[in-house]
Amino acid sequence: MAGRDVERLRMWLRILDISNLVQRDIRAHLRAGFNVTLPRFDLMAALDRAGPEGMTMGQLSRRLRVSGGNVTAVVDRLEREGAVTRRSPPEDRRTHFIALTEEGRRQFLAMAEAHLGWIDGLFAGLSPSEVGTLTGLLDKARRSAAERAAEEAPKDGAKDGRKGGRDG
């Protein structure tokens, strides 16, 4: 890396460090305060945003960027506990729509209120102006990374930048 500007690397490492620190803290608070996991909280948050119609298992998987198996395991537990319902439309019984029950929404709102307080506390050292500036810069960084990733994505199903799959 001699001669290369490493400031972008330092920035990336700071973002990772902050993300890991915040996730560790939130996981600990969720476990101690509500005896729930971060994936469960994230799934309930996605369902809350979706409203009463809910989301399909596939939509949840894509939104949360996790495998269908992970979503199924969390949904199964939530359903057993009465926090979500699972329904299939008559025309497609293979598709399952998942929605929060009233009890699930009540649980989520209590966690969300506490979550807001935890995040506020973690970033209390930043002024409102600094939060606005940082949010704007992070949005710009996300757009830049997304555009670059889209430009560099392998084409035609090729992996690792090679064309034609395994042999080509």
N, C-alpha and C. Protein backbone atom coordinates (compact mmCIF):
# COMPACT_ATOMS: atom_id res chain seq x y z
N MET A 1 0.82 -1.19 0.00
CA MET A 1 0.00 0.00 0.00
C MET A 1 0.86 1.25 0.00
N ALA A 2 2.14 1.07 -0.13
CA ALA A 2 3.03 2.22 -0.15
C ALA A 2 2.64 3.15 -1.28
N GLY A 3 2.55 4.42 -0.96
CA GLY A 3 2.23 5.41 -1.98
C GLY A 3 0.74 5.55 -2.25
N ARG A 4 -0.09 4.70 -1.71
CA ARG A 4 -1.54 4.81 -1.93
C ARG A 4 -2.17 5.60 -0.79
N ASP A 5 -3.21 6.31 -1.13
CA ASP A 5 -3.97 7.03 -0.12
C ASP A 5 -4.79 6.02 0.68
N VAL A 6 -4.53 5.92 1.97
CA VAL A 6 -5.23 4.94 2.80
C VAL A 6 -6.37 5.56 3.61
N GLU A 7 -6.71 6.80 3.33
CA GLU A 7 -7.77 7.44 4.10
C GLU A 7 -9.13 6.76 3.90
N ARG A 8 -9.41 6.30 2.69
CA ARG A 8 -10.68 5.60 2.47
C ARG A 8 -10.71 4.28 3.24
N LEU A 9 -9.57 3.61 3.32
CA LEU A 9 -9.49 2.39 4.11
C LEU A 9 -9.72 2.69 5.59
N ARG A 10 -9.10 3.75 6.08
CA ARG A 10 -9.31 4.14 7.48
C ARG A 10 -10.78 4.46 7.74
N MET A 11 -11.41 5.16 6.79
CA MET A 11 -12.83 5.49 6.92
C MET A 11 -13.65 4.20 7.02
N TRP A 12 -13.38 3.25 6.10
CA TRP A 12 -14.11 1.98 6.09
C TRP A 12 -13.94 1.24 7.41
N LEU A 13 -12.73 1.21 7.94
CA LEU A 13 -12.48 0.53 9.20
C LEU A 13 -13.21 1.20 10.36
N ARG A 14 -13.32 2.53 10.33
CA ARG A 14 -14.09 3.25 11.36
C ARG A 14 -15.58 2.89 11.27
N ILE A 15 -16.10 2.83 10.03
CA ILE A 15 -17.51 2.46 9.85
C ILE A 15 -17.75 1.06 10.41
N LEU A 16 -16.89 0.11 10.07
CA LEU A 16 -17.02 -1.25 10.59
C LEU A 16 -16.95 -1.28 12.12
N ASP A 17 -16.00 -0.54 12.67
CA ASP A 17 -15.81 -0.52 14.11
C ASP A 17 -17.06 0.02 14.81
N ILE A 18 -17.59 1.14 14.31
CA ILE A 18 -18.79 1.72 14.91
C ILE A 18 -19.97 0.77 14.76
N SER A 19 -20.12 0.18 13.59
CA SER A 19 -21.23 -0.76 13.36
C SER A 19 -21.15 -1.94 14.33
N ASN A 20 -19.97 -2.51 14.47
CA ASN A 20 -19.80 -3.65 15.39
C ASN A 20 -20.08 -3.25 16.83
N LEU A 21 -19.58 -2.08 17.24
CA LEU A 21 -19.79 -1.60 18.60
C LEU A 21 -21.27 -1.40 18.88
N VAL A 22 -21.97 -0.73 17.97
CA VAL A 22 -23.40 -0.46 18.16
C VAL A 22 -24.19 -1.77 18.16
N GLN A 23 -23.89 -2.68 17.25
CA GLN A 23 -24.61 -3.95 17.22
C GLN A 23 -24.40 -4.75 18.50
N ARG A 24 -23.18 -4.77 19.01
CA ARG A 24 -22.92 -5.48 20.28
C ARG A 24 -23.76 -4.89 21.41
N ASP A 25 -23.79 -3.56 21.47
CA ASP A 25 -24.53 -2.88 22.53
C ASP A 25 -26.04 -3.15 22.41
N ILE A 26 -26.56 -3.03 21.20
CA ILE A 26 -27.99 -3.25 20.97
C ILE A 26 -28.35 -4.71 21.27
N ARG A 27 -27.53 -5.65 20.81
CA ARG A 27 -27.79 -7.07 21.11
C ARG A 27 -27.87 -7.30 22.63
N ALA A 28 -26.93 -6.72 23.36
CA ALA A 28 -26.91 -6.89 24.82
C ALA A 28 -28.15 -6.29 25.46
N HIS A 29 -28.54 -5.09 25.03
CA HIS A 29 -29.74 -4.45 25.57
C HIS A 29 -31.00 -5.24 25.24
N LEU A 30 -31.12 -5.72 24.00
CA LEU A 30 -32.30 -6.50 23.62
C LEU A 30 -32.39 -7.78 24.44
N ARG A 31 -31.25 -8.43 24.65
CA ARG A 31 -31.23 -9.67 25.42
C ARG A 31 -31.59 -9.39 26.88
N ALA A 32 -30.96 -8.38 27.47
CA ALA A 32 -31.19 -8.08 28.89
C ALA A 32 -32.59 -7.53 29.15
N GLY A 33 -33.05 -6.65 28.27
CA GLY A 33 -34.33 -5.98 28.52
C GLY A 33 -35.55 -6.74 28.05
N PHE A 34 -35.39 -7.54 26.98
CA PHE A 34 -36.56 -8.18 26.37
C PHE A 34 -36.37 -9.67 26.09
N ASN A 35 -35.18 -10.18 26.35
CA ASN A 35 -34.85 -11.58 26.06
C ASN A 35 -35.12 -11.94 24.60
N VAL A 36 -34.71 -11.04 23.70
CA VAL A 36 -34.86 -11.29 22.26
C VAL A 36 -33.54 -11.04 21.56
N THR A 37 -33.43 -11.56 20.35
CA THR A 37 -32.23 -11.40 19.54
C THR A 37 -32.40 -10.22 18.58
N LEU A 38 -31.29 -9.74 18.06
CA LEU A 38 -31.33 -8.67 17.07
C LEU A 38 -32.05 -9.13 15.79
N PRO A 39 -31.82 -10.36 15.29
CA PRO A 39 -32.58 -10.78 14.11
C PRO A 39 -34.09 -10.78 14.34
N ARG A 40 -34.53 -11.17 15.52
CA ARG A 40 -35.96 -11.15 15.83
C ARG A 40 -36.47 -9.71 15.82
N PHE A 41 -35.73 -8.79 16.44
CA PHE A 41 -36.10 -7.38 16.45
C PHE A 41 -36.18 -6.84 15.02
N ASP A 42 -35.16 -7.14 14.21
CA ASP A 42 -35.13 -6.66 12.83
C ASP A 42 -36.31 -7.18 12.03
N LEU A 43 -36.67 -8.45 12.21
CA LEU A 43 -37.79 -9.03 11.49
C LEU A 43 -39.10 -8.36 11.92
N MET A 44 -39.26 -8.15 13.21
CA MET A 44 -40.47 -7.49 13.70
C MET A 44 -40.54 -6.05 13.21
N ALA A 45 -39.40 -5.38 13.10
CA ALA A 45 -39.37 -4.01 12.58
C ALA A 45 -39.81 -3.98 11.12
N ALA A 46 -39.34 -4.93 10.34
CA ALA A 46 -39.75 -5.00 8.92
C ALA A 46 -41.25 -5.24 8.81
N LEU A 47 -41.78 -6.11 9.65
CA LEU A 47 -43.23 -6.38 9.61
C LEU A 47 -44.03 -5.17 10.08
N ASP A 48 -43.52 -4.45 11.06
CA ASP A 48 -44.21 -3.25 11.52
C ASP A 48 -44.29 -2.21 10.40
N ARG A 49 -43.18 -2.03 9.67
CA ARG A 49 -43.17 -1.08 8.55
C ARG A 49 -44.10 -1.53 7.44
N ALA A 50 -44.26 -2.83 7.26
CA ALA A 50 -45.11 -3.36 6.18
C ALA A 50 -46.59 -3.12 6.45
N GLY A 51 -46.96 -2.97 7.70
CA GLY A 51 -48.36 -2.74 8.03
C GLY A 51 -49.15 -4.03 8.15
N PRO A 52 -50.47 -3.91 8.23
CA PRO A 52 -51.31 -5.09 8.52
C PRO A 52 -51.29 -6.15 7.42
N GLU A 53 -50.99 -5.77 6.19
CA GLU A 53 -50.95 -6.77 5.11
C GLU A 53 -49.74 -7.69 5.24
N GLY A 54 -48.70 -7.24 5.93
CA GLY A 54 -47.53 -8.07 6.15
C GLY A 54 -46.63 -8.19 4.94
N MET A 55 -45.80 -9.20 4.95
CA MET A 55 -44.83 -9.45 3.89
C MET A 55 -44.75 -10.95 3.65
N THR A 56 -44.32 -11.32 2.45
CA THR A 56 -44.08 -12.73 2.19
C THR A 56 -42.74 -13.12 2.81
N MET A 57 -42.55 -14.42 2.95
CA MET A 57 -41.28 -14.91 3.48
C MET A 57 -40.12 -14.45 2.60
N GLY A 58 -40.32 -14.50 1.27
CA GLY A 58 -39.27 -14.06 0.35
C GLY A 58 -38.96 -12.59 0.49
N GLN A 59 -40.00 -11.76 0.66
CA GLN A 59 -39.77 -10.33 0.86
C GLN A 59 -38.98 -10.08 2.15
N LEU A 60 -39.34 -10.80 3.20
CA LEU A 60 -38.61 -10.66 4.46
C LEU A 60 -37.14 -11.05 4.29
N SER A 61 -36.91 -12.15 3.61
CA SER A 61 -35.55 -12.63 3.38
C SER A 61 -34.73 -11.58 2.64
N ARG A 62 -35.31 -11.01 1.58
CA ARG A 62 -34.59 -9.98 0.81
C ARG A 62 -34.39 -8.71 1.63
N ARG A 63 -35.41 -8.28 2.34
CA ARG A 63 -35.32 -7.05 3.13
C ARG A 63 -34.24 -7.17 4.20
N LEU A 64 -34.19 -8.33 4.84
CA LEU A 64 -33.24 -8.53 5.93
C LEU A 64 -31.88 -9.03 5.46
N ARG A 65 -31.80 -9.38 4.18
CA ARG A 65 -30.56 -9.89 3.58
C ARG A 65 -30.05 -11.14 4.30
N VAL A 66 -30.99 -12.06 4.53
CA VAL A 66 -30.65 -13.34 5.15
C VAL A 66 -31.33 -14.45 4.38
N SER A 67 -30.93 -15.67 4.65
CA SER A 67 -31.50 -16.82 3.94
C SER A 67 -32.95 -17.05 4.36
N GLY A 68 -33.67 -17.72 3.48
CA GLY A 68 -35.04 -18.09 3.79
C GLY A 68 -35.13 -18.95 5.02
N GLY A 69 -34.14 -19.82 5.22
CA GLY A 69 -34.12 -20.68 6.40
C GLY A 69 -34.03 -19.89 7.69
N ASN A 70 -33.23 -18.83 7.68
CA ASN A 70 -33.12 -17.98 8.87
C ASN A 70 -34.45 -17.30 9.17
N VAL A 71 -35.10 -16.80 8.12
CA VAL A 71 -36.40 -16.14 8.31
C VAL A 71 -37.41 -17.14 8.85
N THR A 72 -37.45 -18.33 8.27
CA THR A 72 -38.41 -19.35 8.69
C THR A 72 -38.24 -19.69 10.17
N ALA A 73 -37.00 -19.84 10.62
CA ALA A 73 -36.75 -20.18 12.02
C ALA A 73 -37.29 -19.10 12.96
N VAL A 74 -37.04 -17.84 12.64
CA VAL A 74 -37.51 -16.75 13.50
C VAL A 74 -39.03 -16.65 13.44
N VAL A 75 -39.60 -16.75 12.23
CA VAL A 75 -41.05 -16.68 12.08
C VAL A 75 -41.73 -17.82 12.83
N ASP A 76 -41.18 -19.02 12.75
CA ASP A 76 -41.76 -20.16 13.46
C ASP A 76 -41.85 -19.88 14.96
N ARG A 77 -40.77 -19.34 15.53
CA ARG A 77 -40.78 -19.02 16.97
C ARG A 77 -41.81 -17.94 17.28
N LEU A 78 -41.83 -16.89 16.47
CA LEU A 78 -42.77 -15.79 16.70
C LEU A 78 -44.22 -16.27 16.57
N GLU A 79 -44.46 -17.16 15.63
CA GLU A 79 -45.82 -17.69 15.45
C GLU A 79 -46.23 -18.53 16.67
N ARG A 80 -45.34 -19.37 17.14
CA ARG A 80 -45.64 -20.19 18.34
C ARG A 80 -45.97 -19.31 19.54
N GLU A 81 -45.32 -18.15 19.61
CA GLU A 81 -45.52 -17.25 20.75
C GLU A 81 -46.71 -16.30 20.54
N GLY A 82 -47.36 -16.37 19.38
CA GLY A 82 -48.51 -15.52 19.12
C GLY A 82 -48.17 -14.11 18.69
N ALA A 83 -46.93 -13.87 18.28
CA ALA A 83 -46.51 -12.52 17.88
C ALA A 83 -46.74 -12.24 16.40
N VAL A 84 -46.86 -13.30 15.58
CA VAL A 84 -47.13 -13.12 14.15
C VAL A 84 -48.17 -14.14 13.70
N THR A 85 -48.80 -13.82 12.58
CA THR A 85 -49.69 -14.77 11.91
C THR A 85 -49.08 -15.10 10.56
N ARG A 86 -49.41 -16.27 10.08
CA ARG A 86 -48.94 -16.73 8.77
C ARG A 86 -50.19 -17.12 8.00
N ARG A 87 -50.39 -16.49 6.84
CA ARG A 87 -51.56 -16.84 6.03
C ARG A 87 -51.16 -17.00 4.58
N SER A 88 -51.90 -17.84 3.89
CA SER A 88 -51.67 -18.08 2.46
C SER A 88 -52.92 -17.67 1.70
N PRO A 89 -52.75 -16.93 0.60
CA PRO A 89 -53.93 -16.61 -0.21
C PRO A 89 -54.47 -17.88 -0.86
N PRO A 90 -55.79 -17.96 -1.06
CA PRO A 90 -56.38 -19.18 -1.62
C PRO A 90 -55.81 -19.54 -2.99
N GLU A 91 -55.42 -18.54 -3.77
CA GLU A 91 -54.93 -18.81 -5.13
C GLU A 91 -53.48 -19.31 -5.16
N ASP A 92 -52.75 -19.18 -4.04
CA ASP A 92 -51.35 -19.64 -4.01
C ASP A 92 -51.00 -20.07 -2.60
N ARG A 93 -51.26 -21.31 -2.28
CA ARG A 93 -51.04 -21.78 -0.91
C ARG A 93 -49.57 -22.00 -0.60
N ARG A 94 -48.69 -21.86 -1.60
CA ARG A 94 -47.25 -21.98 -1.35
C ARG A 94 -46.69 -20.69 -0.77
N THR A 95 -47.36 -19.57 -1.03
CA THR A 95 -46.91 -18.27 -0.55
C THR A 95 -47.48 -18.02 0.84
N HIS A 96 -46.63 -17.57 1.74
CA HIS A 96 -47.08 -17.27 3.11
C HIS A 96 -46.84 -15.79 3.39
N PHE A 97 -47.90 -15.10 3.79
CA PHE A 97 -47.78 -13.72 4.23
C PHE A 97 -47.67 -13.72 5.75
N ILE A 98 -46.69 -12.99 6.25
CA ILE A 98 -46.45 -12.92 7.68
C ILE A 98 -46.80 -11.51 8.14
N ALA A 99 -47.54 -11.41 9.22
CA ALA A 99 -47.92 -10.10 9.77
C ALA A 99 -47.85 -10.16 11.29
N LEU A 100 -47.60 -9.00 11.89
CA LEU A 100 -47.61 -8.92 13.34
C LEU A 100 -49.04 -9.04 13.86
N THR A 101 -49.21 -9.73 14.96
CA THR A 101 -50.49 -9.72 15.67
C THR A 101 -50.51 -8.46 16.53
N GLU A 102 -51.63 -8.18 17.16
CA GLU A 102 -51.69 -7.04 18.08
C GLU A 102 -50.65 -7.21 19.20
N GLU A 103 -50.53 -8.43 19.71
CA GLU A 103 -49.54 -8.70 20.76
C GLU A 103 -48.12 -8.50 20.22
N GLY A 104 -47.86 -8.96 19.01
CA GLY A 104 -46.55 -8.77 18.40
C GLY A 104 -46.23 -7.30 18.21
N ARG A 105 -47.21 -6.54 17.77
CA ARG A 105 -47.01 -5.10 17.59
C ARG A 105 -46.75 -4.41 18.93
N ARG A 106 -47.48 -4.81 19.95
CA ARG A 106 -47.27 -4.25 21.28
C ARG A 106 -45.83 -4.53 21.75
N GLN A 107 -45.39 -5.77 21.58
CA GLN A 107 -44.02 -6.14 21.97
C GLN A 107 -43.00 -5.33 21.18
N PHE A 108 -43.22 -5.23 19.86
CA PHE A 108 -42.27 -4.51 19.03
C PHE A 108 -42.19 -3.04 19.42
N LEU A 109 -43.34 -2.40 19.63
CA LEU A 109 -43.33 -0.97 19.97
C LEU A 109 -42.59 -0.70 21.27
N ALA A 110 -42.71 -1.60 22.24
CA ALA A 110 -41.95 -1.44 23.49
C ALA A 110 -40.45 -1.54 23.21
N MET A 111 -40.06 -2.52 22.39
CA MET A 111 -38.64 -2.67 22.05
C MET A 111 -38.15 -1.47 21.23
N ALA A 112 -38.96 -1.00 20.29
CA ALA A 112 -38.56 0.11 19.42
C ALA A 112 -38.34 1.38 20.24
N GLU A 113 -39.20 1.62 21.21
CA GLU A 113 -39.03 2.80 22.07
C GLU A 113 -37.72 2.72 22.85
N ALA A 114 -37.44 1.56 23.41
CA ALA A 114 -36.18 1.37 24.13
C ALA A 114 -34.98 1.49 23.18
N HIS A 115 -35.10 0.91 22.00
CA HIS A 115 -34.04 0.96 20.98
C HIS A 115 -33.69 2.40 20.64
N LEU A 116 -34.71 3.22 20.46
CA LEU A 116 -34.49 4.63 20.16
C LEU A 116 -33.67 5.30 21.26
N GLY A 117 -33.99 4.98 22.51
CA GLY A 117 -33.23 5.53 23.63
C GLY A 117 -31.79 5.06 23.65
N TRP A 118 -31.57 3.78 23.34
CA TRP A 118 -30.21 3.25 23.33
C TRP A 118 -29.37 3.94 22.25
N ILE A 119 -29.95 4.08 21.06
CA ILE A 119 -29.22 4.74 19.96
C ILE A 119 -28.94 6.19 20.32
N ASP A 120 -29.94 6.87 20.88
CA ASP A 120 -29.75 8.26 21.28
C ASP A 120 -28.60 8.36 22.28
N GLY A 121 -28.54 7.44 23.23
CA GLY A 121 -27.47 7.45 24.21
C GLY A 121 -26.10 7.18 23.61
N LEU A 122 -26.04 6.25 22.68
CA LEU A 122 -24.76 5.91 22.06
C LEU A 122 -24.15 7.08 21.30
N PHE A 123 -25.02 7.91 20.72
CA PHE A 123 -24.53 9.03 19.90
C PHE A 123 -24.77 10.38 20.56
N ALA A 124 -24.93 10.38 21.88
CA ALA A 124 -25.19 11.62 22.61
C ALA A 124 -24.04 12.61 22.50
N GLY A 125 -22.85 12.13 22.19
CA GLY A 125 -21.70 13.01 22.06
C GLY A 125 -21.69 13.83 20.78
N LEU A 126 -22.65 13.59 19.89
CA LEU A 126 -22.75 14.36 18.65
C LEU A 126 -23.89 15.36 18.74
N SER A 127 -23.64 16.57 18.27
CA SER A 127 -24.70 17.58 18.25
C SER A 127 -25.70 17.25 17.13
N PRO A 128 -26.90 17.82 17.19
CA PRO A 128 -27.86 17.59 16.10
C PRO A 128 -27.28 17.98 14.73
N SER A 129 -26.51 19.04 14.69
CA SER A 129 -25.89 19.45 13.43
C SER A 129 -24.88 18.41 12.94
N GLU A 130 -24.09 17.88 13.86
CA GLU A 130 -23.12 16.85 13.49
C GLU A 130 -23.81 15.58 13.02
N VAL A 131 -24.92 15.22 13.67
CA VAL A 131 -25.68 14.04 13.25
C VAL A 131 -26.18 14.25 11.82
N GLY A 132 -26.71 15.44 11.53
CA GLY A 132 -27.18 15.73 10.17
C GLY A 132 -26.07 15.66 9.14
N THR A 133 -24.93 16.24 9.47
CA THR A 133 -23.79 16.22 8.55
C THR A 133 -23.31 14.79 8.31
N LEU A 134 -23.15 14.04 9.39
CA LEU A 134 -22.67 12.65 9.27
C LEU A 134 -23.66 11.80 8.48
N THR A 135 -24.95 11.97 8.74
CA THR A 135 -25.97 11.22 8.00
C THR A 135 -25.88 11.52 6.51
N GLY A 136 -25.72 12.79 6.17
CA GLY A 136 -25.59 13.17 4.76
C GLY A 136 -24.35 12.57 4.12
N LEU A 137 -23.24 12.57 4.83
CA LEU A 137 -22.01 11.99 4.29
C LEU A 137 -22.13 10.48 4.14
N LEU A 138 -22.76 9.82 5.10
CA LEU A 138 -22.94 8.36 4.99
C LEU A 138 -23.89 8.01 3.85
N ASP A 139 -24.92 8.82 3.63
CA ASP A 139 -25.80 8.60 2.47
C ASP A 139 -25.02 8.72 1.17
N LYS A 140 -24.16 9.73 1.10
CA LYS A 140 -23.34 9.93 -0.09
C LYS A 140 -22.38 8.75 -0.28
N ALA A 141 -21.77 8.28 0.80
CA ALA A 141 -20.86 7.13 0.72
C ALA A 141 -21.61 5.88 0.27
N ARG A 142 -22.83 5.68 0.77
CA ARG A 142 -23.62 4.50 0.37
C ARG A 142 -23.95 4.56 -1.12
N ARG A 143 -24.36 5.73 -1.61
CA ARG A 143 -24.65 5.86 -3.05
C ARG A 143 -23.41 5.58 -3.89
N SER A 144 -22.28 6.13 -3.47
CA SER A 144 -21.03 5.92 -4.20
C SER A 144 -20.67 4.43 -4.25
N ALA A 145 -20.75 3.77 -3.11
CA ALA A 145 -20.41 2.34 -3.06
C ALA A 145 -21.40 1.52 -3.88
N ALA A 146 -22.69 1.85 -3.80
CA ALA A 146 -23.70 1.09 -4.56
C ALA A 146 -23.50 1.26 -6.06
N GLU A 147 -23.20 2.47 -6.50
CA GLU A 147 -22.96 2.71 -7.93
C GLU A 147 -21.73 1.94 -8.39
N ARG A 148 -20.67 1.99 -7.62
CA ARG A 148 -19.43 1.31 -8.01
C ARG A 148 -19.63 -0.20 -8.01
N ALA A 149 -20.33 -0.71 -7.01
CA ALA A 149 -20.59 -2.16 -6.95
C ALA A 149 -21.41 -2.61 -8.14
N ALA A 150 -22.39 -1.80 -8.54
CA ALA A 150 -23.22 -2.15 -9.70
C ALA A 150 -22.39 -2.15 -10.98
N GLU A 151 -21.47 -1.19 -11.10
CA GLU A 151 -20.61 -1.13 -12.28
C GLU A 151 -19.67 -2.32 -12.36
N GLU A 152 -19.21 -2.79 -11.21
CA GLU A 152 -18.20 -3.85 -11.19
C GLU A 152 -18.78 -5.24 -11.02
N ALA A 153 -20.11 -5.35 -10.91
CA ALA A 153 -20.74 -6.67 -10.72
C ALA A 153 -20.48 -7.54 -11.94
N PRO A 154 -20.18 -8.83 -11.71
CA PRO A 154 -19.96 -9.75 -12.84
C PRO A 154 -21.20 -9.81 -13.72
N LYS A 155 -21.00 -9.89 -15.00
CA LYS A 155 -22.10 -9.95 -15.98
C LYS A 155 -22.33 -11.39 -16.41
N ASP A 156 -23.51 -11.66 -16.93
CA ASP A 156 -23.86 -12.96 -17.51
C ASP A 156 -23.66 -14.12 -16.55
N GLY A 157 -23.90 -13.90 -15.26
CA GLY A 157 -23.80 -15.00 -14.31
C GLY A 157 -22.38 -15.42 -13.99
N ALA A 158 -21.39 -14.73 -14.53
CA ALA A 158 -20.00 -15.11 -14.26
C ALA A 158 -19.66 -14.77 -12.82
N LYS A 159 -18.77 -15.55 -12.24
CA LYS A 159 -18.33 -15.31 -10.87
C LYS A 159 -16.87 -14.93 -10.88
N ASP A 160 -16.49 -14.18 -9.86
CA ASP A 160 -15.09 -13.78 -9.69
C ASP A 160 -14.55 -13.07 -10.92
N GLY A 161 -15.41 -12.35 -11.62
CA GLY A 161 -14.96 -11.58 -12.76
C GLY A 161 -14.68 -12.39 -14.00
N ARG A 162 -14.91 -13.71 -13.96
CA ARG A 162 -14.65 -14.55 -15.13
C ARG A 162 -15.94 -14.70 -15.92
N LYS A 163 -15.83 -14.76 -17.21
CA LYS A 163 -16.99 -14.98 -18.07
C LYS A 163 -17.17 -16.47 -18.30
N GLY A 164 -18.42 -16.84 -18.50
CA GLY A 164 -18.68 -18.21 -18.90
C GLY A 164 -18.66 -19.22 -17.79
N GLY A 165 -18.73 -18.77 -16.53
CA GLY A 165 -18.82 -19.72 -15.43
C GLY A 165 -17.49 -20.37 -15.10
N ARG A 166 -17.53 -21.66 -14.78
CA ARG A 166 -16.37 -22.36 -14.25
C ARG A 166 -15.21 -22.43 -15.24
N ASP A 167 -15.49 -22.64 -16.52
CA ASP A 167 -14.40 -22.86 -17.48
C ASP A 167 -14.02 -21.63 -18.28
N GLY A 168 -14.73 -20.56 -18.09
CA GLY A 168 -14.45 -19.55 -19.05
C GLY A 168 -14.17 -18.23 -18.70
